[in-house]
Amino acid sequence: MSSQNTNEGGRNSARERLRAERERQKAAEKRRRSLKVGAAVVGVLAVATGIGVALAGQGDDDGGTASAKPITVGHESAPAKLTVYEDFRCPACAQFENAFRGTVRSLERAGKLKAEYHLVTLIDGHMGGSGSKKAANAAACAKDRGKFSAYHDVLYRHQPAEQDDAFASTERLIQLARKVKGLVGPAFEKCVTTGRHNDWVERANESFRNSDHQGTPTVLLDGKNIYADQNDPLTPQKLRKLVERKG
């Protein structure tokens, strides 16, 4: 009996060890599966995070807030390019815009000219205030809505006296925007009141200050200054001829 009990005990012990080993193997396999699933989830999250960063970067770089690129109006393939550096508080800029607006817009519509607008804040710097900056931001907000040209022209038609910093009032800027059909809405108003494009305006102004240009307005046609020569002043008729020669 003693020998039989010993043998039976040995067999039981062997079975217990085998069962324990199987349990350990099952547990190890379960851990391996968990690790694989965990690694897969981490991989998916990493990819998702990468996509999120890419989309966020694209959203930030809208051509208004993330860079000092000019606002362009007209057909991209137009044979001539007008580059304008201007300040919404600058009286000389208003004189240029009010005299040349019809010619410039006509040439743009005809596909003969595209215009690039660099909005700067010289008057704010020289006279104090924030109207140049806030008006430039509001114009960039109008660009977001596809209404830049119309709003740009409204601002110059209603430019206050140089000493009057009326454009520092976002209420005034929004009031003027109501003159442009389809412009005013919650998105535009938030853009104006929060200064969404202020960083872009500041970079545009800094770029101008670091350039060789002397003041506003600076008007270039295909890189050549066509507005500075007071002995041979530019006229709308001369501008049209210069552009039409380009093809």
C-alpha atoms as a PDB file:
ATOM      1  CA  MET A   1       0.000   0.000   0.000  1.00  0.00           C
ATOM      2  CA  SER A   2       2.779   2.335   0.862  1.00  0.00           C
ATOM      3  CA  SER A   3       4.432   1.838  -2.543  1.00  0.00           C
ATOM      4  CA  GLN A   4       1.113   2.256  -4.334  1.00  0.00           C
ATOM      5  CA  ASN A   5       0.336   5.427  -2.413  1.00  0.00           C
ATOM      6  CA  THR A   6       3.788   6.739  -3.219  1.00  0.00           C
ATOM      7  CA  ASN A   7       3.306   6.023  -6.934  1.00  0.00           C
ATOM      8  CA  GLU A   8      -0.149   7.572  -6.876  1.00  0.00           C
ATOM      9  CA  GLY A   9       1.227  10.609  -5.112  1.00  0.00           C
ATOM     10  CA  GLY A  10       3.949  10.909  -7.737  1.00  0.00           C
ATOM     11  CA  ARG A  11       1.464  10.726 -10.552  1.00  0.00           C
ATOM     12  CA  ASN A  12      -0.706  13.362  -8.876  1.00  0.00           C
ATOM     13  CA  SER A  13       2.325  15.562  -8.396  1.00  0.00           C
ATOM     14  CA  ALA A  14       3.279  15.155 -12.041  1.00  0.00           C
ATOM     15  CA  ARG A  15      -0.250  16.059 -13.121  1.00  0.00           C
ATOM     16  CA  GLU A  16      -0.194  19.118 -10.896  1.00  0.00           C
ATOM     17  CA  ARG A  17       3.120  20.224 -12.369  1.00  0.00           C
ATOM     18  CA  LEU A  18       1.794  19.677 -15.900  1.00  0.00           C
ATOM     19  CA  ARG A  19      -1.381  21.611 -15.118  1.00  0.00           C
ATOM     20  CA  ALA A  20       0.619  24.438 -13.575  1.00  0.00           C
ATOM     21  CA  GLU A  21       2.909  24.549 -16.597  1.00  0.00           C
ATOM     22  CA  ARG A  22      -0.094  24.726 -18.921  1.00  0.00           C
ATOM     23  CA  GLU A  23      -1.539  27.575 -16.852  1.00  0.00           C
ATOM     24  CA  ARG A  24       1.779  29.431 -17.058  1.00  0.00           C
ATOM     25  CA  GLN A  25       1.863  28.951 -20.831  1.00  0.00           C
ATOM     26  CA  LYS A  26      -1.717  30.220 -21.143  1.00  0.00           C
ATOM     27  CA  ALA A  27      -0.890  33.256 -19.016  1.00  0.00           C
ATOM     28  CA  ALA A  28       2.241  33.941 -21.058  1.00  0.00           C
ATOM     29  CA  GLU A  29       0.297  33.677 -24.297  1.00  0.00           C
ATOM     30  CA  LYS A  30      -2.347  36.028 -22.934  1.00  0.00           C
ATOM     31  CA  ARG A  31       0.338  38.556 -22.008  1.00  0.00           C
ATOM     32  CA  ARG A  32       1.863  38.313 -25.478  1.00  0.00           C
ATOM     33  CA  ARG A  33      -1.535  38.953 -27.073  1.00  0.00           C
ATOM     34  CA  SER A  34      -2.101  41.921 -24.776  1.00  0.00           C
ATOM     35  CA  LEU A  35       1.279  43.363 -25.679  1.00  0.00           C
ATOM     36  CA  LYS A  36       0.547  42.986 -29.397  1.00  0.00           C
ATOM     37  CA  VAL A  37      -2.819  44.693 -29.028  1.00  0.00           C
ATOM     38  CA  GLY A  38      -1.251  47.442 -26.925  1.00  0.00           C
ATOM     39  CA  ALA A  39       1.481  47.999 -29.488  1.00  0.00           C
ATOM     40  CA  ALA A  40      -1.096  48.143 -32.258  1.00  0.00           C
ATOM     41  CA  VAL A  41      -3.148  50.728 -30.346  1.00  0.00           C
ATOM     42  CA  VAL A  42      -0.042  52.828 -29.718  1.00  0.00           C
ATOM     43  CA  GLY A  43       0.778  52.626 -33.414  1.00  0.00           C
ATOM     44  CA  VAL A  44      -2.706  53.737 -34.389  1.00  0.00           C
ATOM     45  CA  LEU A  45      -2.580  56.593 -31.898  1.00  0.00           C
ATOM     46  CA  ALA A  46       0.808  57.638 -33.207  1.00  0.00           C
ATOM     47  CA  VAL A  47      -0.493  57.700 -36.770  1.00  0.00           C
ATOM     48  CA  ALA A  48      -3.612  59.565 -35.701  1.00  0.00           C
ATOM     49  CA  THR A  49      -1.515  62.087 -33.823  1.00  0.00           C
ATOM     50  CA  GLY A  50       0.671  62.575 -36.878  1.00  0.00           C
ATOM     51  CA  ILE A  51      -2.374  63.210 -39.044  1.00  0.00           C
ATOM     52  CA  GLY A  52      -3.725  65.640 -36.463  1.00  0.00           C
ATOM     53  CA  VAL A  53      -0.490  67.596 -36.429  1.00  0.00           C
ATOM     54  CA  ALA A  54      -0.415  67.718 -40.212  1.00  0.00           C
ATOM     55  CA  LEU A  55      -3.997  68.946 -40.418  1.00  0.00           C
ATOM     56  CA  ALA A  56      -3.427  71.445 -37.648  1.00  0.00           C
ATOM     57  CA  GLY A  57      -0.407  72.786 -39.499  1.00  0.00           C
ATOM     58  CA  GLN A  58      -2.404  73.134 -42.684  1.00  0.00           C
ATOM     59  CA  GLY A  59      -5.153  74.901 -40.789  1.00  0.00           C
ATOM     60  CA  ASP A  60      -2.708  77.354 -39.236  1.00  0.00           C
ATOM     61  CA  ASP A  61      -0.972  78.082 -42.528  1.00  0.00           C
ATOM     62  CA  ASP A  62      -3.967  79.738 -44.290  1.00  0.00           C
ATOM     63  CA  GLY A  63      -1.956  82.463 -46.036  1.00  0.00           C
ATOM     64  CA  GLY A  64      -3.383  85.091 -43.493  1.00  0.00           C
ATOM     65  CA  THR A  65      -2.088  84.131 -39.963  1.00  0.00           C
ATOM     66  CA  ALA A  66       0.906  81.826 -40.533  1.00  0.00           C
ATOM     67  CA  SER A  67       2.881  83.768 -43.107  1.00  0.00           C
ATOM     68  CA  ALA A  68       3.518  87.292 -44.367  1.00  0.00           C
ATOM     69  CA  LYS A  69       2.532  86.351 -47.898  1.00  0.00           C
ATOM     70  CA  PRO A  70       0.590  89.130 -49.616  1.00  0.00           C
ATOM     71  CA  ILE A  71      -3.101  88.955 -50.387  1.00  0.00           C
ATOM     72  CA  THR A  72      -3.444  88.318 -54.108  1.00  0.00           C
ATOM     73  CA  VAL A  73      -6.321  89.452 -56.298  1.00  0.00           C
ATOM     74  CA  GLY A  74      -6.759  88.500 -59.956  1.00  0.00           C
ATOM     75  CA  HIS A  75      -5.891  85.557 -62.168  1.00  0.00           C
ATOM     76  CA  GLU A  76      -2.742  83.705 -61.174  1.00  0.00           C
ATOM     77  CA  SER A  77      -1.701  83.438 -64.831  1.00  0.00           C
ATOM     78  CA  ALA A  78      -2.079  87.179 -65.520  1.00  0.00           C
ATOM     79  CA  PRO A  79       0.944  88.461 -67.495  1.00  0.00           C
ATOM     80  CA  ALA A  80       1.516  91.488 -65.237  1.00  0.00           C
ATOM     81  CA  LYS A  81       1.804  91.784 -61.462  1.00  0.00           C
ATOM     82  CA  LEU A  82       1.115  94.898 -59.446  1.00  0.00           C
ATOM     83  CA  THR A  83       2.655  94.906 -55.958  1.00  0.00           C
ATOM     84  CA  VAL A  84       1.206  97.416 -53.521  1.00  0.00           C
ATOM     85  CA  TYR A  85       2.484  98.236 -50.040  1.00  0.00           C
ATOM     86  CA  GLU A  86      -0.098 100.312 -48.216  1.00  0.00           C
ATOM     87  CA  ASP A  87      -1.550 101.345 -44.875  1.00  0.00           C
ATOM     88  CA  PHE A  88      -5.289 101.822 -44.362  1.00  0.00           C
ATOM     89  CA  ARG A  89      -4.641 104.996 -42.336  1.00  0.00           C
ATOM     90  CA  CYS A  90      -2.303 106.470 -44.966  1.00  0.00           C
ATOM     91  CA  PRO A  91      -3.902 109.426 -46.866  1.00  0.00           C
ATOM     92  CA  ALA A  92      -1.558 109.014 -49.843  1.00  0.00           C
ATOM     93  CA  CYS A  93      -2.616 105.359 -50.079  1.00  0.00           C
ATOM     94  CA  ALA A  94      -6.250 106.422 -50.223  1.00  0.00           C
ATOM     95  CA  GLN A  95      -5.401 108.919 -52.968  1.00  0.00           C
ATOM     96  CA  PHE A  96      -3.770 106.162 -54.989  1.00  0.00           C
ATOM     97  CA  GLU A  97      -6.581 103.674 -54.421  1.00  0.00           C
ATOM     98  CA  ASN A  98      -9.374 106.111 -55.128  1.00  0.00           C
ATOM     99  CA  ALA A  99      -7.695 107.296 -58.351  1.00  0.00           C
ATOM    100  CA  PHE A 100      -6.568 103.916 -59.695  1.00  0.00           C
ATOM    101  CA  ARG A 101      -9.214 101.541 -58.323  1.00  0.00           C
ATOM    102  CA  GLY A 102     -11.333 101.374 -61.451  1.00  0.00           C
ATOM    103  CA  THR A 103      -8.362 100.746 -63.729  1.00  0.00           C
ATOM    104  CA  VAL A 104      -6.834  98.092 -61.492  1.00  0.00           C
ATOM    105  CA  ARG A 105     -10.104  96.214 -61.019  1.00  0.00           C
ATOM    106  CA  SER A 106     -10.859  96.384 -64.747  1.00  0.00           C
ATOM    107  CA  LEU A 107      -7.456  94.923 -65.641  1.00  0.00           C
ATOM    108  CA  GLU A 108      -7.884  92.210 -63.009  1.00  0.00           C
ATOM    109  CA  ARG A 109     -11.279  91.194 -64.402  1.00  0.00           C
ATOM    110  CA  ALA A 110      -9.805  91.079 -67.906  1.00  0.00           C
ATOM    111  CA  GLY A 111      -7.134  88.642 -66.738  1.00  0.00           C
ATOM    112  CA  LYS A 112      -4.344  91.075 -67.632  1.00  0.00           C
ATOM    113  CA  LEU A 113      -3.226  91.953 -64.110  1.00  0.00           C
ATOM    114  CA  LYS A 114      -2.957  90.386 -60.691  1.00  0.00           C
ATOM    115  CA  ALA A 115      -2.364  92.556 -57.651  1.00  0.00           C
ATOM    116  CA  GLU A 116      -0.504  91.628 -54.473  1.00  0.00           C
ATOM    117  CA  TYR A 117      -1.327  93.649 -51.369  1.00  0.00           C
ATOM    118  CA  HIS A 118       1.125  93.976 -48.480  1.00  0.00           C
ATOM    119  CA  LEU A 119      -0.701  95.604 -45.573  1.00  0.00           C
ATOM    120  CA  VAL A 120       1.530  97.565 -43.201  1.00  0.00           C
ATOM    121  CA  THR A 121       1.120  99.703 -40.078  1.00  0.00           C
ATOM    122  CA  LEU A 122       3.375 102.723 -40.511  1.00  0.00           C
ATOM    123  CA  ILE A 123       0.839 105.283 -39.267  1.00  0.00           C
ATOM    124  CA  ASP A 124       0.284 103.358 -36.042  1.00  0.00           C
ATOM    125  CA  GLY A 125       4.034 103.478 -35.490  1.00  0.00           C
ATOM    126  CA  HIS A 126       4.420 107.155 -36.315  1.00  0.00           C
ATOM    127  CA  MET A 127       1.276 108.613 -34.774  1.00  0.00           C
ATOM    128  CA  GLY A 128       0.224 106.023 -32.219  1.00  0.00           C
ATOM    129  CA  GLY A 129      -2.970 104.018 -32.150  1.00  0.00           C
ATOM    130  CA  SER A 130      -3.912 100.677 -33.651  1.00  0.00           C
ATOM    131  CA  GLY A 131      -6.214 101.486 -36.578  1.00  0.00           C
ATOM    132  CA  SER A 132      -3.738 100.432 -39.254  1.00  0.00           C
ATOM    133  CA  LYS A 133      -3.266  97.038 -37.630  1.00  0.00           C
ATOM    134  CA  LYS A 134      -6.923  96.415 -36.879  1.00  0.00           C
ATOM    135  CA  ALA A 135      -8.027  97.460 -40.355  1.00  0.00           C
ATOM    136  CA  ALA A 136      -5.401  95.215 -41.942  1.00  0.00           C
ATOM    137  CA  ASN A 137      -6.560  92.314 -39.778  1.00  0.00           C
ATOM    138  CA  ALA A 138     -10.176  92.993 -40.750  1.00  0.00           C
ATOM    139  CA  ALA A 139      -9.198  93.060 -44.436  1.00  0.00           C
ATOM    140  CA  ALA A 140      -7.519  89.668 -43.995  1.00  0.00           C
ATOM    141  CA  CYS A 141     -10.726  88.437 -42.335  1.00  0.00           C
ATOM    142  CA  ALA A 142     -12.616  89.623 -45.405  1.00  0.00           C
ATOM    143  CA  LYS A 143     -10.148  87.689 -47.551  1.00  0.00           C
ATOM    144  CA  ASP A 144     -11.107  84.550 -45.611  1.00  0.00           C
ATOM    145  CA  ARG A 145     -14.679  85.146 -46.766  1.00  0.00           C
ATOM    146  CA  GLY A 146     -13.657  85.823 -50.385  1.00  0.00           C
ATOM    147  CA  LYS A 147     -14.554  89.508 -50.008  1.00  0.00           C
ATOM    148  CA  PHE A 148     -11.156  91.204 -49.746  1.00  0.00           C
ATOM    149  CA  SER A 149     -11.352  93.508 -52.765  1.00  0.00           C
ATOM    150  CA  ALA A 150     -14.780  94.876 -51.936  1.00  0.00           C
ATOM    151  CA  TYR A 151     -13.969  95.464 -48.267  1.00  0.00           C
ATOM    152  CA  HIS A 152     -10.522  96.879 -49.065  1.00  0.00           C
ATOM    153  CA  ASP A 153     -12.180  99.433 -51.331  1.00  0.00           C
ATOM    154  CA  VAL A 154     -14.838 100.302 -48.728  1.00  0.00           C
ATOM    155  CA  LEU A 155     -12.157 101.023 -46.126  1.00  0.00           C
ATOM    156  CA  TYR A 156     -10.372 103.439 -48.439  1.00  0.00           C
ATOM    157  CA  ARG A 157     -13.612 105.151 -49.447  1.00  0.00           C
ATOM    158  CA  HIS A 158     -14.354 105.737 -45.757  1.00  0.00           C
ATOM    159  CA  GLN A 159     -10.849 106.438 -44.499  1.00  0.00           C
ATOM    160  CA  PRO A 160     -10.857 108.781 -41.481  1.00  0.00           C
ATOM    161  CA  ALA A 161      -8.515 111.743 -41.137  1.00  0.00           C
ATOM    162  CA  GLU A 162      -4.931 110.680 -40.508  1.00  0.00           C
ATOM    163  CA  GLN A 163      -5.033 111.869 -36.901  1.00  0.00           C
ATOM    164  CA  ASP A 164      -8.341 110.093 -36.266  1.00  0.00           C
ATOM    165  CA  ASP A 165      -7.724 106.502 -35.183  1.00  0.00           C
ATOM    166  CA  ALA A 166     -11.307 105.485 -35.996  1.00  0.00           C
ATOM    167  CA  PHE A 167     -10.261 102.143 -37.473  1.00  0.00           C
ATOM    168  CA  ALA A 168      -9.076 101.120 -33.996  1.00  0.00           C
ATOM    169  CA  SER A 169     -12.768 100.456 -33.283  1.00  0.00           C
ATOM    170  CA  THR A 170     -13.734  96.939 -34.296  1.00  0.00           C
ATOM    171  CA  GLU A 171     -17.364  98.088 -34.161  1.00  0.00           C
ATOM    172  CA  ARG A 172     -16.570 100.656 -36.850  1.00  0.00           C
ATOM    173  CA  LEU A 173     -14.789  98.064 -38.978  1.00  0.00           C
ATOM    174  CA  ILE A 174     -17.748  95.688 -38.730  1.00  0.00           C
ATOM    175  CA  GLN A 175     -20.178  98.530 -39.465  1.00  0.00           C
ATOM    176  CA  LEU A 176     -18.297  99.323 -42.686  1.00  0.00           C
ATOM    177  CA  ALA A 177     -18.249  95.618 -43.554  1.00  0.00           C
ATOM    178  CA  ARG A 178     -22.051  95.713 -43.748  1.00  0.00           C
ATOM    179  CA  LYS A 179     -21.599  97.668 -46.968  1.00  0.00           C
ATOM    180  CA  VAL A 180     -20.216  94.459 -48.534  1.00  0.00           C
ATOM    181  CA  LYS A 181     -22.958  91.972 -49.312  1.00  0.00           C
ATOM    182  CA  GLY A 182     -22.508  88.633 -47.597  1.00  0.00           C
ATOM    183  CA  LEU A 183     -19.466  89.603 -45.560  1.00  0.00           C
ATOM    184  CA  VAL A 184     -20.722  90.115 -42.020  1.00  0.00           C
ATOM    185  CA  GLY A 185     -21.502  87.039 -39.977  1.00  0.00           C
ATOM    186  CA  PRO A 186     -20.374  85.347 -36.750  1.00  0.00           C
ATOM    187  CA  ALA A 187     -17.122  84.040 -38.249  1.00  0.00           C
ATOM    188  CA  PHE A 188     -16.121  87.412 -39.677  1.00  0.00           C
ATOM    189  CA  GLU A 189     -17.047  89.305 -36.508  1.00  0.00           C
ATOM    190  CA  LYS A 190     -15.054  86.890 -34.332  1.00  0.00           C
ATOM    191  CA  CYS A 191     -12.081  87.158 -36.672  1.00  0.00           C
ATOM    192  CA  VAL A 192     -12.169  90.957 -36.437  1.00  0.00           C
ATOM    193  CA  THR A 193     -12.733  91.256 -32.699  1.00  0.00           C
ATOM    194  CA  THR A 194     -10.141  88.642 -31.723  1.00  0.00           C
ATOM    195  CA  GLY A 195      -7.455  89.904 -34.109  1.00  0.00           C
ATOM    196  CA  ARG A 196      -7.056  86.510 -35.723  1.00  0.00           C
ATOM    197  CA  HIS A 197      -4.573  87.794 -38.339  1.00  0.00           C
ATOM    198  CA  ASN A 198      -2.630  90.206 -36.137  1.00  0.00           C
ATOM    199  CA  ASP A 199       0.522  88.084 -36.278  1.00  0.00           C
ATOM    200  CA  TRP A 200       0.371  88.076 -40.072  1.00  0.00           C
ATOM    201  CA  VAL A 201      -0.013  91.877 -40.101  1.00  0.00           C
ATOM    202  CA  GLU A 202       2.959  92.296 -37.777  1.00  0.00           C
ATOM    203  CA  ARG A 203       5.145  90.087 -39.956  1.00  0.00           C
ATOM    204  CA  ALA A 204       4.068  91.945 -43.091  1.00  0.00           C
ATOM    205  CA  ASN A 205       4.982  95.246 -41.461  1.00  0.00           C
ATOM    206  CA  GLU A 206       8.340  93.943 -40.237  1.00  0.00           C
ATOM    207  CA  SER A 207       9.141  92.664 -43.722  1.00  0.00           C
ATOM    208  CA  PHE A 208       8.375  96.110 -45.150  1.00  0.00           C
ATOM    209  CA  ARG A 209      10.545  97.840 -42.541  1.00  0.00           C
ATOM    210  CA  ASN A 210      13.441  95.566 -43.456  1.00  0.00           C
ATOM    211  CA  SER A 211      13.039  96.287 -47.170  1.00  0.00           C
ATOM    212  CA  ASP A 212      14.474  99.117 -49.258  1.00  0.00           C
ATOM    213  CA  HIS A 213      11.060 100.718 -49.730  1.00  0.00           C
ATOM    214  CA  GLN A 214      10.746 104.206 -48.297  1.00  0.00           C
ATOM    215  CA  GLY A 215       7.062 104.710 -47.608  1.00  0.00           C
ATOM    216  CA  THR A 216       3.472 104.022 -48.530  1.00  0.00           C
ATOM    217  CA  PRO A 217       2.101 103.646 -51.015  1.00  0.00           C
ATOM    218  CA  THR A 218       4.865 101.780 -52.777  1.00  0.00           C
ATOM    219  CA  VAL A 219       3.600 100.536 -56.127  1.00  0.00           C
ATOM    220  CA  LEU A 220       5.613  98.144 -58.288  1.00  0.00           C
ATOM    221  CA  LEU A 221       4.800  96.696 -61.678  1.00  0.00           C
ATOM    222  CA  ASP A 222       6.657  93.441 -62.164  1.00  0.00           C
ATOM    223  CA  GLY A 223       9.150  94.605 -59.551  1.00  0.00           C
ATOM    224  CA  LYS A 224       9.722  98.110 -60.946  1.00  0.00           C
ATOM    225  CA  ASN A 225       8.630 101.132 -58.925  1.00  0.00           C
ATOM    226  CA  ILE A 226       6.198 103.011 -61.160  1.00  0.00           C
ATOM    227  CA  TYR A 227       4.754 105.487 -58.644  1.00  0.00           C
ATOM    228  CA  ALA A 228       7.734 107.230 -57.107  1.00  0.00           C
ATOM    229  CA  ASP A 229       8.787 109.505 -59.983  1.00  0.00           C
ATOM    230  CA  GLN A 230       7.086 112.843 -59.313  1.00  0.00           C
ATOM    231  CA  ASN A 231       8.548 114.305 -62.525  1.00  0.00           C
ATOM    232  CA  ASP A 232       6.651 111.709 -64.534  1.00  0.00           C
ATOM    233  CA  PRO A 233       3.622 110.900 -62.394  1.00  0.00           C
ATOM    234  CA  LEU A 234       1.705 107.736 -62.996  1.00  0.00           C
ATOM    235  CA  THR A 235      -1.856 108.066 -64.246  1.00  0.00           C
ATOM    236  CA  PRO A 236      -4.544 105.410 -64.673  1.00  0.00           C
ATOM    237  CA  GLN A 237      -4.118 105.686 -68.444  1.00  0.00           C
ATOM    238  CA  LYS A 238      -0.360 105.123 -68.206  1.00  0.00           C
ATOM    239  CA  LEU A 239      -0.885 102.141 -65.915  1.00  0.00           C
ATOM    240  CA  ARG A 240      -3.289 100.567 -68.380  1.00  0.00           C
ATOM    241  CA  LYS A 241      -0.832 101.017 -71.255  1.00  0.00           C
ATOM    242  CA  LEU A 242       2.032  99.568 -69.232  1.00  0.00           C
ATOM    243  CA  VAL A 243      -0.020  96.509 -68.313  1.00  0.00           C
ATOM    244  CA  GLU A 244      -1.423  95.947 -71.787  1.00  0.00           C
ATOM    245  CA  ARG A 245       2.106  95.962 -73.234  1.00  0.00           C
ATOM    246  CA  LYS A 246       2.759  92.873 -71.123  1.00  0.00           C
ATOM    247  CA  GLY A 247       0.326  90.946 -73.236  1.00  0.00           C
END
